[in-house]
């Protein structure tokens, strides 16, 4: 049973964060975090971090159990500007994920730092 606040989707409040530079370093490490991108399908196809799993925030609560993630390993949630990723952190925490953070500044910060993105045609 989830123990989420009534307004779990509200993008306010503090959640753990990782900045783009640190995430880029962690992704090159021997133990990279799992990446969950909660943007829309269109946003995801336009450009995402290599290896990210895509589940729109609107579908996350019903699809958490489909995630190919280890609940004991770090997860970083990502959206465009770090608003939708806040409730994503809350959902994962409520479902038993132990080490969840959001990308501070979202994909805007990732791109601003010049880090690589993968895009899909379509």
N, C-alpha and C. Protein backbone atom coordinates (compact mmCIF):
# COMPACT_ATOMS: atom_id res chain seq x y z
N UNK A 1 0.84 -1.18 0.00
CA UNK A 1 0.00 0.00 0.00
C UNK A 1 0.88 1.24 0.00
N UNK A 2 0.58 2.16 -0.89
CA UNK A 2 1.35 3.39 -0.97
C UNK A 2 1.02 4.30 0.21
N UNK A 3 2.03 5.00 0.67
CA UNK A 3 1.82 6.00 1.71
C UNK A 3 2.26 7.35 1.18
N UNK A 4 1.54 7.81 0.17
CA UNK A 4 1.85 9.10 -0.44
C UNK A 4 0.93 10.16 0.13
N UNK A 5 1.41 11.40 0.24
CA UNK A 5 0.53 12.47 0.67
C UNK A 5 -0.61 12.63 -0.34
N UNK A 6 -1.67 13.25 0.09
CA UNK A 6 -2.84 13.44 -0.77
C UNK A 6 -2.47 14.12 -2.07
N UNK A 7 -1.66 15.13 -2.01
CA UNK A 7 -1.26 15.86 -3.21
C UNK A 7 0.16 15.48 -3.62
N UNK A 8 0.38 14.18 -3.83
CA UNK A 8 1.71 13.64 -4.14
C UNK A 8 2.32 14.26 -5.38
N UNK A 9 1.51 14.71 -6.31
CA UNK A 9 1.96 15.19 -7.61
C UNK A 9 2.40 16.65 -7.58
N UNK A 10 2.17 17.35 -6.48
CA UNK A 10 2.53 18.76 -6.40
C UNK A 10 4.06 18.88 -6.43
N UNK A 11 4.59 19.70 -7.36
CA UNK A 11 6.04 19.77 -7.53
C UNK A 11 6.73 20.73 -6.57
N UNK A 12 6.36 20.70 -5.31
CA UNK A 12 6.99 21.57 -4.33
C UNK A 12 7.56 20.72 -3.21
N UNK A 13 8.47 21.31 -2.48
CA UNK A 13 9.09 20.59 -1.37
C UNK A 13 10.46 20.08 -1.76
N UNK A 14 11.18 19.68 -0.76
CA UNK A 14 12.55 19.22 -0.94
C UNK A 14 12.61 17.72 -1.16
N UNK A 15 13.42 17.33 -2.11
CA UNK A 15 13.78 15.92 -2.30
C UNK A 15 15.28 15.91 -2.56
N UNK A 16 15.94 14.79 -2.36
CA UNK A 16 17.38 14.73 -2.65
C UNK A 16 17.64 15.04 -4.13
N UNK A 17 18.76 15.70 -4.37
CA UNK A 17 19.13 16.08 -5.74
C UNK A 17 20.57 15.71 -6.04
N UNK A 18 20.84 15.54 -7.33
CA UNK A 18 22.20 15.39 -7.83
C UNK A 18 22.34 16.38 -8.97
N UNK A 19 23.47 17.07 -9.04
CA UNK A 19 23.62 18.03 -10.14
C UNK A 19 24.12 17.32 -11.40
N UNK A 20 24.03 18.00 -12.52
CA UNK A 20 24.35 17.40 -13.82
C UNK A 20 25.79 16.90 -13.88
N UNK A 21 26.73 17.67 -13.37
CA UNK A 21 28.14 17.26 -13.41
C UNK A 21 28.37 15.98 -12.62
N UNK A 22 27.81 15.92 -11.41
CA UNK A 22 27.97 14.71 -10.60
C UNK A 22 27.29 13.51 -11.23
N UNK A 23 26.11 13.73 -11.83
CA UNK A 23 25.42 12.61 -12.48
C UNK A 23 26.24 12.10 -13.65
N UNK A 24 26.81 12.99 -14.44
CA UNK A 24 27.63 12.57 -15.58
C UNK A 24 28.81 11.71 -15.10
N UNK A 25 29.42 12.11 -13.99
CA UNK A 25 30.53 11.33 -13.43
C UNK A 25 30.04 9.97 -12.93
N UNK A 26 28.90 9.96 -12.24
CA UNK A 26 28.35 8.70 -11.73
C UNK A 26 27.99 7.74 -12.86
N UNK A 27 27.51 8.28 -13.97
CA UNK A 27 27.14 7.42 -15.10
C UNK A 27 28.35 6.76 -15.75
N UNK A 28 29.53 7.34 -15.56
CA UNK A 28 30.77 6.75 -16.10
C UNK A 28 31.43 5.80 -15.10
N UNK A 29 30.87 5.69 -13.92
CA UNK A 29 31.48 4.87 -12.88
C UNK A 29 31.14 3.39 -13.06
N UNK A 30 31.74 2.56 -12.23
CA UNK A 30 31.47 1.12 -12.26
C UNK A 30 30.07 0.78 -11.73
N UNK A 31 29.47 1.70 -10.99
CA UNK A 31 28.15 1.48 -10.40
C UNK A 31 27.24 2.66 -10.70
N UNK A 32 26.84 2.81 -11.97
CA UNK A 32 26.02 3.97 -12.34
C UNK A 32 24.60 3.87 -11.77
N UNK A 33 23.98 5.01 -11.51
CA UNK A 33 22.60 4.99 -11.04
C UNK A 33 21.65 4.58 -12.17
N UNK A 34 20.49 4.14 -11.78
CA UNK A 34 19.41 3.84 -12.73
C UNK A 34 18.71 5.17 -13.03
N UNK A 35 18.35 5.39 -14.28
CA UNK A 35 17.77 6.67 -14.69
C UNK A 35 16.31 6.47 -15.10
N UNK A 36 15.43 7.27 -14.49
CA UNK A 36 14.01 7.25 -14.83
C UNK A 36 13.63 8.62 -15.37
N UNK A 37 13.23 8.67 -16.63
CA UNK A 37 12.81 9.91 -17.28
C UNK A 37 11.28 9.96 -17.27
N UNK A 38 10.72 10.97 -16.62
CA UNK A 38 9.26 11.05 -16.44
C UNK A 38 8.60 12.10 -17.33
N UNK A 39 9.30 12.53 -18.36
CA UNK A 39 8.73 13.52 -19.28
C UNK A 39 7.74 12.84 -20.23
N UNK A 40 7.14 13.63 -21.10
CA UNK A 40 6.23 13.08 -22.10
C UNK A 40 7.02 12.28 -23.13
N UNK A 41 6.31 11.46 -23.89
CA UNK A 41 6.96 10.69 -24.95
C UNK A 41 7.65 11.57 -25.97
N UNK A 42 7.01 12.65 -26.33
CA UNK A 42 7.60 13.58 -27.30
C UNK A 42 8.90 14.18 -26.77
N UNK A 43 8.87 14.63 -25.52
CA UNK A 43 10.08 15.20 -24.92
C UNK A 43 11.19 14.16 -24.89
N UNK A 44 10.85 12.95 -24.50
CA UNK A 44 11.84 11.88 -24.40
C UNK A 44 12.47 11.59 -25.76
N UNK A 45 11.65 11.49 -26.80
CA UNK A 45 12.18 11.20 -28.14
C UNK A 45 13.08 12.31 -28.66
N UNK A 46 12.82 13.55 -28.25
CA UNK A 46 13.64 14.68 -28.71
C UNK A 46 15.04 14.64 -28.12
N UNK A 47 15.20 13.96 -27.01
CA UNK A 47 16.53 13.84 -26.42
C UNK A 47 16.48 13.41 -24.97
N UNK A 48 17.23 12.35 -24.66
CA UNK A 48 17.27 11.83 -23.31
C UNK A 48 18.67 11.30 -22.99
N UNK A 49 18.89 11.01 -21.75
CA UNK A 49 20.16 10.44 -21.31
C UNK A 49 20.20 8.97 -21.73
N UNK A 50 21.30 8.57 -22.30
CA UNK A 50 21.50 7.18 -22.75
C UNK A 50 21.17 6.22 -21.61
N UNK A 51 20.37 5.22 -21.91
CA UNK A 51 20.04 4.20 -20.93
C UNK A 51 18.86 4.53 -20.04
N UNK A 52 18.28 5.72 -20.19
CA UNK A 52 17.15 6.10 -19.35
C UNK A 52 15.92 5.25 -19.67
N UNK A 53 15.18 4.93 -18.64
CA UNK A 53 13.89 4.25 -18.80
C UNK A 53 12.82 5.34 -18.79
N UNK A 54 11.90 5.26 -19.75
CA UNK A 54 10.88 6.29 -19.88
C UNK A 54 9.52 5.80 -19.37
N UNK A 55 8.99 6.51 -18.38
CA UNK A 55 7.61 6.33 -17.92
C UNK A 55 7.10 7.73 -17.60
N UNK A 56 6.12 8.24 -18.34
CA UNK A 56 5.59 9.57 -18.04
C UNK A 56 5.06 9.65 -16.61
N UNK A 57 5.22 10.79 -15.98
CA UNK A 57 4.79 10.96 -14.59
C UNK A 57 3.32 10.61 -14.43
N UNK A 58 2.51 10.87 -15.45
CA UNK A 58 1.07 10.58 -15.36
C UNK A 58 0.77 9.09 -15.26
N UNK A 59 1.72 8.25 -15.63
CA UNK A 59 1.53 6.80 -15.60
C UNK A 59 2.40 6.09 -14.55
N UNK A 60 3.23 6.84 -13.87
CA UNK A 60 4.22 6.22 -12.99
C UNK A 60 3.61 5.39 -11.87
N UNK A 61 2.61 5.91 -11.19
CA UNK A 61 2.05 5.17 -10.06
C UNK A 61 1.54 3.79 -10.47
N UNK A 62 0.97 3.69 -11.66
CA UNK A 62 0.42 2.41 -12.09
C UNK A 62 1.47 1.50 -12.74
N UNK A 63 2.65 2.04 -13.03
CA UNK A 63 3.66 1.25 -13.73
C UNK A 63 4.96 1.03 -12.95
N UNK A 64 4.98 1.43 -11.70
CA UNK A 64 6.21 1.28 -10.90
C UNK A 64 6.71 -0.16 -10.91
N UNK A 65 5.82 -1.10 -10.77
CA UNK A 65 6.24 -2.50 -10.69
C UNK A 65 6.79 -3.04 -12.00
N UNK A 66 6.60 -2.31 -13.11
CA UNK A 66 7.15 -2.71 -14.41
C UNK A 66 8.59 -2.23 -14.60
N UNK A 67 9.04 -1.33 -13.74
CA UNK A 67 10.39 -0.78 -13.90
C UNK A 67 11.44 -1.88 -13.77
N UNK A 68 12.42 -1.89 -14.67
CA UNK A 68 13.48 -2.90 -14.61
C UNK A 68 14.60 -2.48 -13.66
N UNK A 69 14.22 -1.96 -12.50
CA UNK A 69 15.17 -1.40 -11.56
C UNK A 69 15.31 -2.28 -10.32
N UNK A 70 16.50 -2.22 -9.73
CA UNK A 70 16.76 -2.83 -8.43
C UNK A 70 16.42 -1.78 -7.38
N UNK A 71 15.51 -2.08 -6.48
CA UNK A 71 15.06 -1.11 -5.48
C UNK A 71 16.16 -0.73 -4.48
N UNK A 72 17.23 -1.50 -4.43
CA UNK A 72 18.32 -1.21 -3.50
C UNK A 72 19.39 -0.31 -4.12
N UNK A 73 19.37 -0.14 -5.43
CA UNK A 73 20.39 0.66 -6.12
C UNK A 73 19.88 2.07 -6.37
N UNK A 74 20.79 3.04 -6.47
CA UNK A 74 20.38 4.43 -6.68
C UNK A 74 19.58 4.63 -7.97
N UNK A 75 18.59 5.52 -7.87
CA UNK A 75 17.77 5.93 -9.01
C UNK A 75 17.79 7.45 -9.07
N UNK A 76 17.93 7.98 -10.28
CA UNK A 76 17.82 9.43 -10.49
C UNK A 76 16.63 9.66 -11.40
N UNK A 77 15.69 10.49 -10.95
CA UNK A 77 14.52 10.83 -11.76
C UNK A 77 14.81 12.12 -12.52
N UNK A 78 14.28 12.18 -13.74
CA UNK A 78 14.59 13.30 -14.62
C UNK A 78 13.33 13.78 -15.32
N UNK A 79 13.20 15.10 -15.43
CA UNK A 79 12.18 15.71 -16.27
C UNK A 79 12.84 16.90 -16.98
N UNK A 80 12.06 17.83 -17.46
CA UNK A 80 12.65 18.94 -18.20
C UNK A 80 13.33 19.95 -17.28
N UNK A 81 12.63 20.38 -16.22
CA UNK A 81 13.17 21.44 -15.36
C UNK A 81 13.15 21.09 -13.87
N UNK A 82 13.01 19.83 -13.54
CA UNK A 82 13.03 19.36 -12.15
C UNK A 82 11.74 19.68 -11.40
N UNK A 83 10.61 19.62 -12.07
CA UNK A 83 9.32 19.76 -11.40
C UNK A 83 8.58 18.43 -11.35
N UNK A 84 8.46 17.75 -12.46
CA UNK A 84 7.79 16.44 -12.48
C UNK A 84 8.63 15.37 -11.79
N UNK A 85 9.92 15.59 -11.72
CA UNK A 85 10.78 14.60 -11.07
C UNK A 85 10.63 14.59 -9.55
N UNK A 86 10.13 15.68 -8.97
CA UNK A 86 9.91 15.71 -7.52
C UNK A 86 8.85 14.68 -7.12
N UNK A 87 7.65 14.71 -7.72
CA UNK A 87 6.69 13.67 -7.35
C UNK A 87 7.15 12.26 -7.73
N UNK A 88 7.97 12.14 -8.75
CA UNK A 88 8.50 10.82 -9.11
C UNK A 88 9.36 10.26 -7.97
N UNK A 89 10.17 11.11 -7.36
CA UNK A 89 10.96 10.68 -6.20
C UNK A 89 10.03 10.19 -5.10
N UNK A 90 8.97 10.93 -4.85
CA UNK A 90 8.02 10.54 -3.79
C UNK A 90 7.37 9.18 -4.08
N UNK A 91 6.97 8.97 -5.32
CA UNK A 91 6.33 7.70 -5.70
C UNK A 91 7.30 6.54 -5.48
N UNK A 92 8.54 6.69 -5.96
CA UNK A 92 9.51 5.60 -5.81
C UNK A 92 9.83 5.33 -4.34
N UNK A 93 9.98 6.38 -3.55
CA UNK A 93 10.22 6.19 -2.12
C UNK A 93 9.07 5.43 -1.47
N UNK A 94 7.84 5.80 -1.81
CA UNK A 94 6.67 5.14 -1.23
C UNK A 94 6.58 3.68 -1.64
N UNK A 95 7.17 3.33 -2.76
CA UNK A 95 7.13 1.96 -3.26
C UNK A 95 8.37 1.15 -2.89
N UNK A 96 9.18 1.68 -1.97
CA UNK A 96 10.27 0.88 -1.43
C UNK A 96 11.64 1.09 -2.04
N UNK A 97 11.78 2.05 -2.93
CA UNK A 97 13.11 2.34 -3.47
C UNK A 97 13.89 3.09 -2.39
N UNK A 98 15.15 2.71 -2.20
CA UNK A 98 15.91 3.17 -1.04
C UNK A 98 16.76 4.41 -1.26
N UNK A 99 17.19 4.67 -2.48
CA UNK A 99 18.14 5.76 -2.72
C UNK A 99 17.72 6.48 -4.00
N UNK A 100 16.81 7.45 -3.86
CA UNK A 100 16.24 8.13 -5.02
C UNK A 100 16.52 9.63 -4.92
N UNK A 101 16.93 10.21 -6.04
CA UNK A 101 17.18 11.65 -6.12
C UNK A 101 16.69 12.14 -7.47
N UNK A 102 16.56 13.44 -7.59
CA UNK A 102 16.21 14.02 -8.89
C UNK A 102 17.42 14.74 -9.46
N UNK A 103 17.43 14.89 -10.78
CA UNK A 103 18.46 15.69 -11.43
C UNK A 103 18.11 17.15 -11.24
N UNK A 104 18.93 17.88 -10.50
CA UNK A 104 18.70 19.31 -10.26
C UNK A 104 18.70 20.05 -11.60
N UNK A 105 17.64 20.78 -11.86
CA UNK A 105 17.55 21.54 -13.10
C UNK A 105 17.09 20.73 -14.29
N UNK A 106 16.92 19.42 -14.13
CA UNK A 106 16.41 18.56 -15.18
C UNK A 106 17.25 18.54 -16.44
N UNK A 107 16.60 18.18 -17.55
CA UNK A 107 17.30 18.09 -18.83
C UNK A 107 17.81 19.44 -19.30
N UNK A 108 17.19 20.52 -18.84
CA UNK A 108 17.70 21.85 -19.19
C UNK A 108 19.12 21.99 -18.66
N UNK A 109 19.35 21.60 -17.42
CA UNK A 109 20.70 21.67 -16.83
C UNK A 109 21.65 20.71 -17.53
N UNK A 110 21.17 19.51 -17.85
CA UNK A 110 22.00 18.52 -18.53
C UNK A 110 22.50 19.07 -19.87
N UNK A 111 21.57 19.62 -20.65
CA UNK A 111 21.94 20.19 -21.96
C UNK A 111 22.83 21.42 -21.81
N UNK A 112 22.52 22.26 -20.85
CA UNK A 112 23.31 23.48 -20.64
C UNK A 112 24.77 23.14 -20.36
N UNK A 113 25.01 22.02 -19.72
CA UNK A 113 26.37 21.59 -19.42
C UNK A 113 27.03 20.85 -20.58
N UNK A 114 26.29 20.65 -21.66
CA UNK A 114 26.86 20.02 -22.85
C UNK A 114 27.02 18.52 -22.77
N UNK A 115 26.31 17.88 -21.86
CA UNK A 115 26.41 16.43 -21.72
C UNK A 115 25.63 15.75 -22.83
N UNK A 116 26.02 14.52 -23.19
CA UNK A 116 25.43 13.86 -24.36
C UNK A 116 23.96 13.48 -24.15
N UNK A 117 23.23 13.56 -25.25
CA UNK A 117 21.85 13.10 -25.25
C UNK A 117 21.64 12.17 -26.44
N UNK A 118 20.68 11.31 -26.30
CA UNK A 118 20.31 10.41 -27.38
C UNK A 118 18.91 10.81 -27.83
N UNK A 119 18.72 10.98 -29.13
CA UNK A 119 17.39 11.32 -29.63
C UNK A 119 16.92 10.22 -30.56
N UNK A 120 15.61 10.15 -30.71
CA UNK A 120 15.00 9.13 -31.56
C UNK A 120 14.20 9.82 -32.65
N UNK A 121 14.26 9.29 -33.82
CA UNK A 121 13.47 9.84 -34.93
C UNK A 121 12.04 9.35 -34.78
N UNK A 122 11.10 10.20 -35.21
CA UNK A 122 9.73 9.76 -35.15
C UNK A 122 8.76 10.78 -34.90
